[in-house]
Amino acid sequence: MDYTLILSFLFYAIFIANVAAAIAILFFERRDISATWAWLMILFFLPIIGFLIYLVLGRSLKQDTFYHVPEERRRVREQQLVSQDKTEIAPNTPLSPYRKLIQANRASGALLTEATDVRTLFDGHQKFDTLLADIQGAHIEINIQYFILKRDPLGDRLLTALFEQAKRGVKVRILYDAVGSWKLKAKDFDAFKKDGGEVRSFFSSPLGILNLRINNRNHRKLCTIDRRIGYIGGFNVGSEYLGEDEQFGYWRDTHLRVLGPVVEELEYHFEQDWDAASKERTDWSTTPIPAHDRTNDPVPVQIVTSGPTSESEYLKNMLIQMILTAEKSIYIQSPYFIPDTSFMDACKIALASGVTLKIMIPNQPDHPFVYWATYASVGELIQHGADVYTYDLGFMHAKTIVVDGKIASVGTTNIDARSFRLNFEMNAILYHQAVAEELELLFLSDVADSEKLTIEKYAARSRMIRFKESISRLLSPIL
């Protein structure tokens, strides 16, 4: 056997595959320039491994055929968006300073709706005790979606409650991400499905975690109950979210429990993801929408979504525009803070304009490369006057931004390329001073459990940390 010939054939095959991947990246996939260069470097320096990595992590999704919305529902939504576009926000009202932000969010398909009640949940026991009570009180339907759903004591409590409701005749649908919840098995739901429950996994693969869509995950966490109660925020389902993991300690996160018309928006996006998780086309919920209790002080809110099939990075654009509306203060909490140039420039412009910028990140990594890239990014903003805090009590996982104590964003979106471009994400932006002030006070209370990262401390970091930062920043566009 002529091994030289075989090796030559393999070399040329790999070369051609690398060239094909490079052409796809350059000419057929509209990527951020920094991400394009990062992928080209990987293909150049790792010609065999790099191509395999690209097959799993680098391919883009088709945009125009991914989501299917029933024609009648699509027409109604388009009419609602057009109607809101034609409706002027009255001057000298709480919403008037944010009319451009509201309009920009509508370009992503986000209707301006309202919540009749908003409850902030920042502790795992608080969040899951409240959710379980609402699930046990359901009468008609439950739609629940998580990125991580574990079969541990907390996960079993939640699934048992859902399974019992299905037995009672409540319509229960469970959607989980196939990679984030990779330990879940189809047999876990056999009895549930016999009782009429429905379950789907997003981007599932017969090879389990060896998934060709491992880079495009559904990172959303939401629940709707009886089309009346809704949940959105950062908590997944696992014992660590109750602070029971010794590695992380106390888990600090932020979730919202909402009532009112905003629940219809959460359900709309659940229906889209539910439909996309299977080749079967299903009828969307026909459960009558309940009459919502009116309130004298409704909370205007938009549910903004983004993902690898979006025409633009809607969530990043929303957060940048929030920052640029700031007149006094910006408070950011995020476990990962690896913004691109546009986001960093918005922060620097705000600082140069005299706006106070406070950022809180964890004091411990759950992903080392991501952590050191975060450290490098906040270190740069410290030089421009930002106040940066590292949360010491446990792990900081909240994803919130509060501007001027008047508007706030809470959801699943981290400040990084993965959340802005690669994952399916969802945030609620709330235009309400009382809610924003509550989240601002929560940030300030977390400062008591944090250490300020000063210019002096950052400058004194070791050579090893500087090396880790340099490598991590180089990889940041694809982390």
Protein backbone atom coordinates (compact mmCIF):
# COMPACT_ATOMS: atom_id res chain seq x y z
CA MET A 1 0.00 0.00 0.00
CA ASP A 2 1.31 3.41 -0.97
CA TYR A 3 1.01 5.40 2.27
CA THR A 4 2.58 8.44 0.61
CA LEU A 5 -0.31 8.58 -1.85
CA ILE A 6 -2.87 8.22 0.94
CA LEU A 7 -1.24 10.96 3.02
CA SER A 8 -1.10 13.23 -0.02
CA PHE A 9 -4.79 12.60 -0.69
CA LEU A 10 -5.67 13.39 2.94
CA PHE A 11 -3.59 16.56 2.86
CA TYR A 12 -5.33 17.86 -0.26
CA ALA A 13 -8.76 16.83 1.06
CA ILE A 14 -8.16 18.75 4.28
CA PHE A 15 -6.79 21.72 2.35
CA ILE A 16 -9.88 21.79 0.11
CA ALA A 17 -12.20 21.45 3.14
CA ASN A 18 -10.43 24.33 4.87
CA VAL A 19 -10.67 26.49 1.75
CA ALA A 20 -14.38 25.64 1.41
CA ALA A 21 -14.99 26.57 5.05
CA ALA A 22 -13.06 29.83 4.62
CA ILE A 23 -15.11 30.70 1.52
CA ALA A 24 -18.34 29.96 3.40
CA ILE A 25 -17.26 32.21 6.27
CA LEU A 26 -16.12 35.05 4.03
CA PHE A 27 -18.77 35.13 1.32
CA PHE A 28 -21.91 33.28 2.43
CA GLU A 29 -22.24 33.95 6.16
CA ARG A 30 -22.73 37.53 7.28
CA ARG A 31 -20.62 37.50 10.42
CA ASP A 32 -19.08 40.11 12.64
CA ILE A 33 -15.63 40.93 11.24
CA SER A 34 -13.84 39.97 14.46
CA ALA A 35 -15.59 36.58 14.49
CA THR A 36 -14.66 36.07 10.83
CA TRP A 37 -10.98 36.68 11.56
CA ALA A 38 -11.11 34.42 14.61
CA TRP A 39 -12.48 31.55 12.53
CA LEU A 40 -9.98 32.11 9.74
CA MET A 41 -7.14 32.00 12.28
CA ILE A 42 -8.45 28.72 13.68
CA LEU A 43 -8.68 27.21 10.20
CA PHE A 44 -5.18 28.44 9.37
CA PHE A 45 -3.42 27.32 12.57
CA LEU A 46 -5.45 24.13 13.15
CA PRO A 47 -6.13 22.82 9.65
CA ILE A 48 -7.61 19.48 10.73
CA ILE A 49 -9.07 20.18 14.16
CA GLY A 50 -10.14 23.66 13.07
CA PHE A 51 -12.33 22.33 10.27
CA LEU A 52 -14.02 19.87 12.63
CA ILE A 53 -14.56 22.67 15.15
CA TYR A 54 -16.11 24.79 12.40
CA LEU A 55 -18.52 21.99 11.44
CA VAL A 56 -19.78 21.80 15.01
CA LEU A 57 -19.49 25.41 16.18
CA GLY A 58 -19.23 27.65 13.17
CA ARG A 59 -22.09 27.07 10.76
CA SER A 60 -24.86 29.64 10.55
CA LEU A 61 -28.57 28.89 10.61
CA LYS A 62 -30.98 29.63 7.79
CA GLN A 63 -33.10 32.60 8.76
CA ASP A 64 -36.16 32.58 6.56
CA THR A 65 -37.47 29.06 7.24
CA PHE A 66 -36.63 28.53 10.88
CA TYR A 67 -39.77 29.81 12.61
CA HIS A 68 -43.27 28.99 11.46
CA VAL A 69 -46.08 31.24 12.59
CA PRO A 70 -49.66 30.34 11.57
CA GLU A 71 -50.92 32.73 8.93
CA GLU A 72 -53.78 34.10 11.01
CA ARG A 73 -51.49 34.74 14.01
CA ARG A 74 -48.87 36.33 11.75
CA ARG A 75 -51.41 38.76 10.24
CA VAL A 76 -52.73 39.77 13.65
CA ARG A 77 -49.23 40.45 14.93
CA GLU A 78 -48.27 42.50 11.90
CA GLN A 79 -51.42 44.59 12.35
CA GLN A 80 -50.55 45.16 16.02
CA LEU A 81 -47.02 46.28 15.15
CA VAL A 82 -48.27 48.62 12.40
CA SER A 83 -50.90 50.05 14.74
CA GLN A 84 -48.30 50.76 17.42
CA ASP A 85 -45.97 52.34 14.86
CA LYS A 86 -48.75 54.76 13.94
CA THR A 87 -49.58 55.59 17.55
CA GLU A 88 -47.58 58.51 18.88
CA ILE A 89 -46.33 58.41 22.45
CA ALA A 90 -47.66 61.49 24.18
CA PRO A 91 -45.05 64.12 25.09
CA ASN A 92 -44.15 64.80 28.72
CA THR A 93 -45.08 61.29 29.83
CA PRO A 94 -42.81 58.65 31.46
CA LEU A 95 -42.52 56.88 28.09
CA SER A 96 -41.71 59.92 25.96
CA PRO A 97 -37.91 59.92 26.62
CA TYR A 98 -37.80 56.32 25.37
CA ARG A 99 -39.96 56.50 22.25
CA LYS A 100 -36.98 55.84 19.95
CA LEU A 101 -35.90 52.86 22.06
CA ILE A 102 -39.45 51.49 21.96
CA GLN A 103 -39.60 51.98 18.20
CA ALA A 104 -36.23 50.31 17.67
CA ASN A 105 -37.38 47.31 19.69
CA ARG A 106 -40.50 47.07 17.56
CA ALA A 107 -38.21 46.53 14.57
CA SER A 108 -37.35 43.19 16.20
CA GLY A 109 -41.07 42.39 16.46
CA ALA A 110 -41.41 43.42 20.13
CA LEU A 111 -44.84 44.83 20.94
CA LEU A 112 -45.23 47.38 23.70
CA THR A 113 -47.48 45.68 26.21
CA GLU A 114 -47.95 45.93 29.97
CA ALA A 115 -47.76 43.99 33.20
CA THR A 116 -50.37 44.54 35.87
CA ASP A 117 -47.96 43.23 38.49
CA VAL A 118 -44.18 42.60 38.56
CA ARG A 119 -42.40 40.70 41.32
CA THR A 120 -38.61 40.54 41.44
CA LEU A 121 -37.18 37.17 42.52
CA PHE A 122 -33.49 37.15 43.38
CA ASP A 123 -33.02 34.02 45.52
CA GLY A 124 -33.32 30.44 44.30
CA HIS A 125 -35.58 29.22 47.12
CA GLN A 126 -37.79 32.28 46.70
CA LYS A 127 -38.04 31.78 42.95
CA PHE A 128 -38.77 28.06 42.90
CA ASP A 129 -41.13 28.09 45.89
CA THR A 130 -43.16 30.76 44.10
CA LEU A 131 -43.06 28.94 40.76
CA LEU A 132 -44.05 25.60 42.27
CA ALA A 133 -46.98 27.20 44.09
CA ASP A 134 -48.20 28.73 40.82
CA ILE A 135 -47.79 25.41 38.98
CA GLN A 136 -49.76 23.58 41.67
CA GLY A 137 -52.50 26.19 41.33
CA ALA A 138 -52.81 25.84 37.53
CA HIS A 139 -56.18 24.87 36.08
CA ILE A 140 -55.82 25.01 32.30
CA GLU A 141 -52.27 24.95 30.86
CA ILE A 142 -48.58 25.24 31.72
CA ASN A 143 -45.83 26.02 29.23
CA ILE A 144 -42.32 25.76 30.64
CA GLN A 145 -38.93 26.22 28.96
CA TYR A 146 -35.40 26.00 30.37
CA PHE A 147 -31.87 25.83 29.04
CA ILE A 148 -30.73 23.60 31.92
CA LEU A 149 -33.18 21.17 33.51
CA LYS A 150 -31.44 18.67 35.77
CA ARG A 151 -32.64 15.42 37.32
CA ASP A 152 -31.54 16.34 40.82
CA PRO A 153 -33.66 17.10 43.90
CA LEU A 154 -34.83 20.47 42.57
CA GLY A 155 -35.44 19.19 39.05
CA ASP A 156 -37.36 16.20 40.40
CA ARG A 157 -39.54 18.50 42.53
CA LEU A 158 -40.39 20.59 39.51
CA LEU A 159 -41.01 17.63 37.19
CA THR A 160 -43.14 15.86 39.81
CA ALA A 161 -45.34 18.94 40.12
CA LEU A 162 -45.68 19.14 36.32
CA PHE A 163 -46.39 15.41 36.00
CA GLU A 164 -49.09 15.59 38.68
CA GLN A 165 -50.79 18.47 36.88
CA ALA A 166 -50.79 16.48 33.63
CA LYS A 167 -52.51 13.62 35.49
CA ARG A 168 -55.17 16.10 36.63
CA GLY A 169 -55.89 17.02 33.01
CA VAL A 170 -53.95 20.28 32.85
CA LYS A 171 -52.26 20.77 29.46
CA VAL A 172 -48.54 20.68 30.24
CA ARG A 173 -45.76 21.29 27.70
CA ILE A 174 -42.08 21.05 28.64
CA LEU A 175 -39.34 22.39 26.33
CA TYR A 176 -35.66 22.02 27.19
CA ASP A 177 -32.40 22.57 25.37
CA ALA A 178 -30.83 19.29 24.24
CA VAL A 179 -27.28 20.33 25.16
CA GLY A 180 -27.95 22.34 28.29
CA SER A 181 -30.12 19.48 29.61
CA TRP A 182 -28.12 16.67 28.04
CA LYS A 183 -28.62 14.25 30.94
CA LEU A 184 -32.39 14.15 30.41
CA LYS A 185 -33.58 10.96 28.70
CA ALA A 186 -36.74 10.23 26.73
CA LYS A 187 -37.66 7.51 29.26
CA ASP A 188 -37.82 10.20 31.97
CA PHE A 189 -41.07 11.36 30.39
CA ASP A 190 -42.75 8.04 29.47
CA ALA A 191 -45.42 8.16 32.20
CA PHE A 192 -45.83 11.93 31.70
CA LYS A 193 -46.64 11.47 28.01
CA LYS A 194 -49.09 8.64 28.77
CA ASP A 195 -50.93 11.12 30.98
CA GLY A 196 -51.22 13.55 28.07
CA GLY A 197 -48.15 15.67 28.79
CA GLU A 198 -46.00 16.88 25.93
CA VAL A 199 -42.22 17.31 25.88
CA ARG A 200 -39.69 18.44 23.27
CA SER A 201 -35.98 19.12 23.22
CA PHE A 202 -34.50 21.99 21.22
CA PHE A 203 -31.93 20.96 18.57
CA SER A 204 -31.84 17.37 19.76
CA SER A 205 -29.29 14.93 18.39
CA PRO A 206 -29.24 11.09 18.32
CA LEU A 207 -25.61 11.39 19.49
CA GLY A 208 -26.55 13.22 22.68
CA ILE A 209 -24.12 15.99 23.59
CA LEU A 210 -22.20 15.35 20.34
CA ASN A 211 -24.51 17.79 18.64
CA LEU A 212 -23.79 19.57 15.35
CA ARG A 213 -25.80 22.53 16.71
CA ILE A 214 -23.91 22.69 19.99
CA ASN A 215 -22.99 26.31 19.26
CA ASN A 216 -26.58 27.52 18.78
CA ARG A 217 -28.46 26.85 21.95
CA ASN A 218 -31.81 27.96 23.27
CA HIS A 219 -30.77 29.86 26.39
CA ARG A 220 -34.26 31.13 27.24
CA LYS A 221 -35.96 30.46 30.59
CA LEU A 222 -39.66 31.14 30.77
CA CYS A 223 -42.95 29.80 32.02
CA THR A 224 -46.57 30.72 31.40
CA ILE A 225 -49.44 29.45 33.53
CA ASP A 226 -53.09 29.62 32.49
CA ARG A 227 -52.15 32.50 30.14
CA ARG A 228 -52.25 34.65 33.29
CA ILE A 229 -48.89 34.26 35.08
CA GLY A 230 -45.47 34.50 33.47
CA TYR A 231 -41.83 34.02 34.46
CA ILE A 232 -38.68 35.28 32.72
CA GLY A 233 -35.10 35.63 33.93
CA GLY A 234 -31.79 33.95 34.59
CA PHE A 235 -32.50 30.93 36.83
CA ASN A 236 -32.15 27.45 35.35
CA VAL A 237 -33.27 24.30 37.16
CA GLY A 238 -30.65 22.57 39.31
CA SER A 239 -29.60 22.36 42.94
CA GLU A 240 -26.75 24.83 42.37
CA TYR A 241 -29.38 27.51 41.73
CA LEU A 242 -30.48 27.01 45.35
CA GLY A 243 -26.90 27.61 46.53
CA GLU A 244 -26.31 23.91 47.23
CA ASP A 245 -23.15 23.50 45.14
CA GLU A 246 -19.98 23.93 47.19
CA GLN A 247 -18.04 25.17 44.16
CA PHE A 248 -20.29 28.21 43.65
CA GLY A 249 -21.83 28.76 47.08
CA TYR A 250 -24.77 31.16 47.22
CA TRP A 251 -26.33 31.66 43.78
CA ARG A 252 -27.35 35.24 43.06
CA ASP A 253 -29.70 35.59 40.10
CA THR A 254 -32.69 37.66 38.99
CA HIS A 255 -36.04 36.45 37.68
CA LEU A 256 -39.37 38.21 37.19
CA ARG A 257 -42.87 36.99 37.93
CA VAL A 258 -45.34 38.99 35.85
CA LEU A 259 -49.11 39.19 35.44
CA GLY A 260 -51.19 40.75 32.72
CA PRO A 261 -51.06 41.09 28.92
CA VAL A 262 -47.26 40.63 28.85
CA VAL A 263 -47.87 36.91 29.44
CA GLU A 264 -49.30 36.67 25.92
CA GLU A 265 -45.93 37.88 24.61
CA LEU A 266 -44.05 35.21 26.55
CA GLU A 267 -46.43 32.59 25.25
CA TYR A 268 -46.02 33.82 21.67
CA HIS A 269 -42.28 33.19 21.83
CA PHE A 270 -42.75 29.86 23.57
CA GLU A 271 -45.05 28.76 20.73
CA GLN A 272 -42.38 29.69 18.18
CA ASP A 273 -39.67 27.72 19.97
CA TRP A 274 -42.01 24.80 20.62
CA ASP A 275 -42.86 24.58 16.93
CA ALA A 276 -39.20 24.90 15.88
CA ALA A 277 -38.20 22.02 18.17
CA SER A 278 -40.01 19.47 16.00
CA LYS A 279 -40.73 18.82 12.35
CA GLU A 280 -44.39 18.46 13.32
CA ARG A 281 -46.49 21.57 12.83
CA THR A 282 -48.88 22.00 15.74
CA ASP A 283 -51.81 24.27 16.36
CA TRP A 284 -50.91 27.13 18.65
CA SER A 285 -52.73 27.52 21.93
CA THR A 286 -56.44 28.12 21.57
CA THR A 287 -57.04 28.59 25.29
CA PRO A 288 -59.10 31.77 25.73
CA ILE A 289 -57.09 34.73 26.98
CA PRO A 290 -58.34 35.61 30.48
CA ALA A 291 -59.53 39.07 31.38
CA HIS A 292 -56.63 40.78 33.11
CA ASP A 293 -57.17 42.77 36.28
CA ARG A 294 -56.72 46.44 35.55
CA THR A 295 -54.37 48.54 37.64
CA ASN A 296 -53.86 52.24 38.14
CA ASP A 297 -50.12 51.81 37.68
CA PRO A 298 -49.42 49.31 34.86
CA VAL A 299 -45.81 48.52 33.96
CA PRO A 300 -45.09 49.15 30.25
CA VAL A 301 -42.85 46.34 29.00
CA GLN A 302 -41.44 44.88 25.79
CA ILE A 303 -40.26 41.29 25.40
CA VAL A 304 -37.25 41.48 23.07
CA THR A 305 -35.77 38.33 21.56
CA SER A 306 -32.75 37.63 19.42
CA GLY A 307 -30.87 34.65 18.07
CA PRO A 308 -28.79 33.20 15.25
CA THR A 309 -31.75 33.51 12.88
CA SER A 310 -32.36 37.20 13.63
CA GLU A 311 -31.75 39.81 10.95
CA SER A 312 -29.82 41.91 13.47
CA GLU A 313 -28.38 41.63 16.99
CA TYR A 314 -31.56 43.05 18.46
CA LEU A 315 -30.75 42.49 22.11
CA LYS A 316 -27.29 44.01 21.83
CA ASN A 317 -28.77 46.98 20.00
CA MET A 318 -31.40 47.38 22.70
CA LEU A 319 -28.83 47.36 25.51
CA ILE A 320 -26.58 49.83 23.68
CA GLN A 321 -29.48 52.21 23.11
CA MET A 322 -30.42 51.94 26.79
CA ILE A 323 -26.86 52.92 27.71
CA LEU A 324 -26.92 55.88 25.33
CA THR A 325 -30.16 57.21 26.86
CA ALA A 326 -28.54 57.41 30.30
CA GLU A 327 -28.27 60.84 31.90
CA LYS A 328 -27.14 59.86 35.41
CA SER A 329 -26.38 56.20 36.01
CA ILE A 330 -26.05 52.73 34.52
CA TYR A 331 -25.93 49.59 36.69
CA ILE A 332 -24.96 46.31 34.98
CA GLN A 333 -24.86 42.81 36.45
CA SER A 334 -23.61 39.98 34.26
CA PRO A 335 -21.67 36.74 34.83
CA TYR A 336 -19.91 37.27 31.50
CA PHE A 337 -18.90 40.71 30.31
CA ILE A 338 -17.12 40.40 26.95
CA PRO A 339 -18.67 43.16 24.82
CA ASP A 340 -17.66 43.94 21.26
CA THR A 341 -16.32 47.32 20.17
CA SER A 342 -19.75 48.91 19.69
CA PHE A 343 -20.88 48.03 23.21
CA MET A 344 -17.57 49.12 24.75
CA ASP A 345 -17.75 52.42 22.86
CA ALA A 346 -21.26 53.05 24.17
CA CYS A 347 -19.97 52.52 27.73
CA LYS A 348 -17.02 54.85 27.14
CA ILE A 349 -19.27 57.53 25.62
CA ALA A 350 -21.53 57.35 28.67
CA LEU A 351 -18.54 57.66 31.01
CA ALA A 352 -17.12 60.57 29.05
CA SER A 353 -20.52 62.27 29.34
CA GLY A 354 -20.38 62.16 33.13
CA VAL A 355 -22.69 59.17 33.56
CA THR A 356 -21.92 56.83 36.47
CA LEU A 357 -21.29 53.28 35.25
CA LYS A 358 -21.25 50.46 37.78
CA ILE A 359 -20.58 46.86 36.68
CA MET A 360 -20.80 43.74 38.84
CA ILE A 361 -19.27 40.40 37.81
CA PRO A 362 -18.54 37.15 39.71
CA ASN A 363 -15.37 36.76 41.72
CA GLN A 364 -14.94 33.20 40.49
CA PRO A 365 -15.04 31.60 37.03
CA ASP A 366 -17.36 28.87 35.85
CA HIS A 367 -15.68 29.03 32.41
CA PRO A 368 -12.01 30.09 32.71
CA PHE A 369 -11.48 31.61 29.23
CA VAL A 370 -14.74 33.53 29.56
CA TYR A 371 -13.82 34.80 33.00
CA TRP A 372 -10.41 36.15 32.00
CA ALA A 373 -11.88 37.81 28.91
CA THR A 374 -14.43 39.42 31.26
CA TYR A 375 -11.65 40.56 33.56
CA ALA A 376 -9.83 42.17 30.63
CA SER A 377 -12.96 44.00 29.47
CA VAL A 378 -13.86 45.48 32.85
CA GLY A 379 -10.18 46.36 33.38
CA GLU A 380 -10.32 48.51 30.27
CA LEU A 381 -13.46 50.32 31.48
CA ILE A 382 -11.91 50.97 34.88
CA GLN A 383 -9.34 53.10 33.06
CA HIS A 384 -12.22 55.23 31.76
CA GLY A 385 -13.83 55.74 35.16
CA ALA A 386 -16.21 52.77 35.59
CA ASP A 387 -16.80 51.31 39.05
CA VAL A 388 -16.36 47.54 38.90
CA TYR A 389 -17.30 45.11 41.67
CA THR A 390 -16.55 41.40 42.03
CA TYR A 391 -19.32 39.56 43.88
CA ASP A 392 -17.85 37.58 46.79
CA LEU A 393 -20.84 35.98 48.51
CA GLY A 394 -21.23 33.28 45.84
CA PHE A 395 -21.81 33.24 42.10
CA MET A 396 -23.30 36.28 40.34
CA HIS A 397 -25.52 35.04 37.50
CA ALA A 398 -28.02 37.94 37.20
CA LYS A 399 -28.35 39.58 33.79
CA THR A 400 -29.73 43.03 34.47
CA ILE A 401 -29.21 46.61 33.36
CA VAL A 402 -30.80 49.60 35.13
CA VAL A 403 -30.60 53.10 33.62
CA ASP A 404 -31.21 56.27 35.67
CA GLY A 405 -33.42 54.30 38.06
CA LYS A 406 -36.19 54.62 35.44
CA ILE A 407 -35.92 51.70 33.01
CA ALA A 408 -34.48 48.22 33.39
CA SER A 409 -33.75 45.07 31.42
CA VAL A 410 -33.98 41.58 32.95
CA GLY A 411 -33.58 38.34 31.07
CA THR A 412 -31.24 35.65 29.80
CA THR A 413 -28.74 37.73 27.84
CA ASN A 414 -25.10 37.86 28.87
CA ILE A 415 -22.83 40.64 27.60
CA ASP A 416 -20.94 38.53 25.08
CA ALA A 417 -20.93 37.39 21.46
CA ARG A 418 -22.59 34.10 22.34
CA SER A 419 -25.70 35.79 23.72
CA PHE A 420 -25.73 38.52 21.09
CA ARG A 421 -25.25 36.30 18.03
CA LEU A 422 -25.21 32.57 18.70
CA ASN A 423 -27.85 31.71 21.30
CA PHE A 424 -31.60 32.22 21.35
CA GLU A 425 -32.14 34.78 24.11
CA MET A 426 -34.96 36.82 25.62
CA ASN A 427 -35.15 39.95 27.80
CA ALA A 428 -37.91 42.03 29.28
CA ILE A 429 -37.34 45.79 29.19
CA LEU A 430 -39.50 47.55 31.74
CA TYR A 431 -40.30 51.26 31.48
CA HIS A 432 -41.30 51.86 35.07
CA GLN A 433 -39.50 53.84 37.75
CA ALA A 434 -40.61 51.80 40.77
CA VAL A 435 -39.44 48.52 39.21
CA ALA A 436 -36.15 50.08 38.06
CA GLU A 437 -35.53 51.58 41.51
CA GLU A 438 -36.12 48.19 43.13
CA LEU A 439 -33.53 46.58 40.86
CA GLU A 440 -31.12 49.45 41.48
CA LEU A 441 -31.45 49.01 45.25
CA LEU A 442 -30.86 45.29 44.78
CA PHE A 443 -27.61 46.09 42.96
CA LEU A 444 -26.52 48.42 45.75
CA SER A 445 -27.28 45.80 48.39
CA ASP A 446 -25.07 43.36 46.43
CA VAL A 447 -22.23 45.90 46.62
CA ALA A 448 -22.04 45.12 50.34
CA ASP A 449 -21.13 41.53 49.40
CA SER A 450 -18.61 42.58 46.77
CA GLU A 451 -15.08 43.93 46.48
CA LYS A 452 -14.29 46.94 44.34
CA LEU A 453 -11.78 46.25 41.59
CA THR A 454 -9.64 49.39 41.69
CA ILE A 455 -7.19 50.67 39.12
CA GLU A 456 -4.36 49.84 41.51
CA LYS A 457 -5.50 46.28 42.09
CA TYR A 458 -6.03 45.68 38.38
CA ALA A 459 -2.61 47.10 37.51
CA ALA A 460 -0.99 44.79 40.10
CA ARG A 461 -2.33 41.57 38.53
CA SER A 462 0.26 38.89 37.87
CA ARG A 463 1.95 38.11 34.56
CA MET A 464 0.04 34.84 34.42
CA ILE A 465 -3.28 36.68 34.64
CA ARG A 466 -2.14 39.09 31.92
CA PHE A 467 -1.27 36.09 29.74
CA LYS A 468 -4.67 34.48 30.38
CA GLU A 469 -6.39 37.77 29.50
CA SER A 470 -4.47 38.08 26.22
CA ILE A 471 -5.36 34.55 25.09
CA SER A 472 -8.97 34.92 26.18
CA ARG A 473 -9.42 38.27 24.42
CA LEU A 474 -8.08 36.73 21.21
CA LEU A 475 -10.75 34.01 21.43
CA SER A 476 -13.51 36.31 22.74
CA PRO A 477 -15.41 36.66 19.43
CA ILE A 478 -16.21 32.94 19.46
CA LEU A 479 -16.36 32.17 23.19
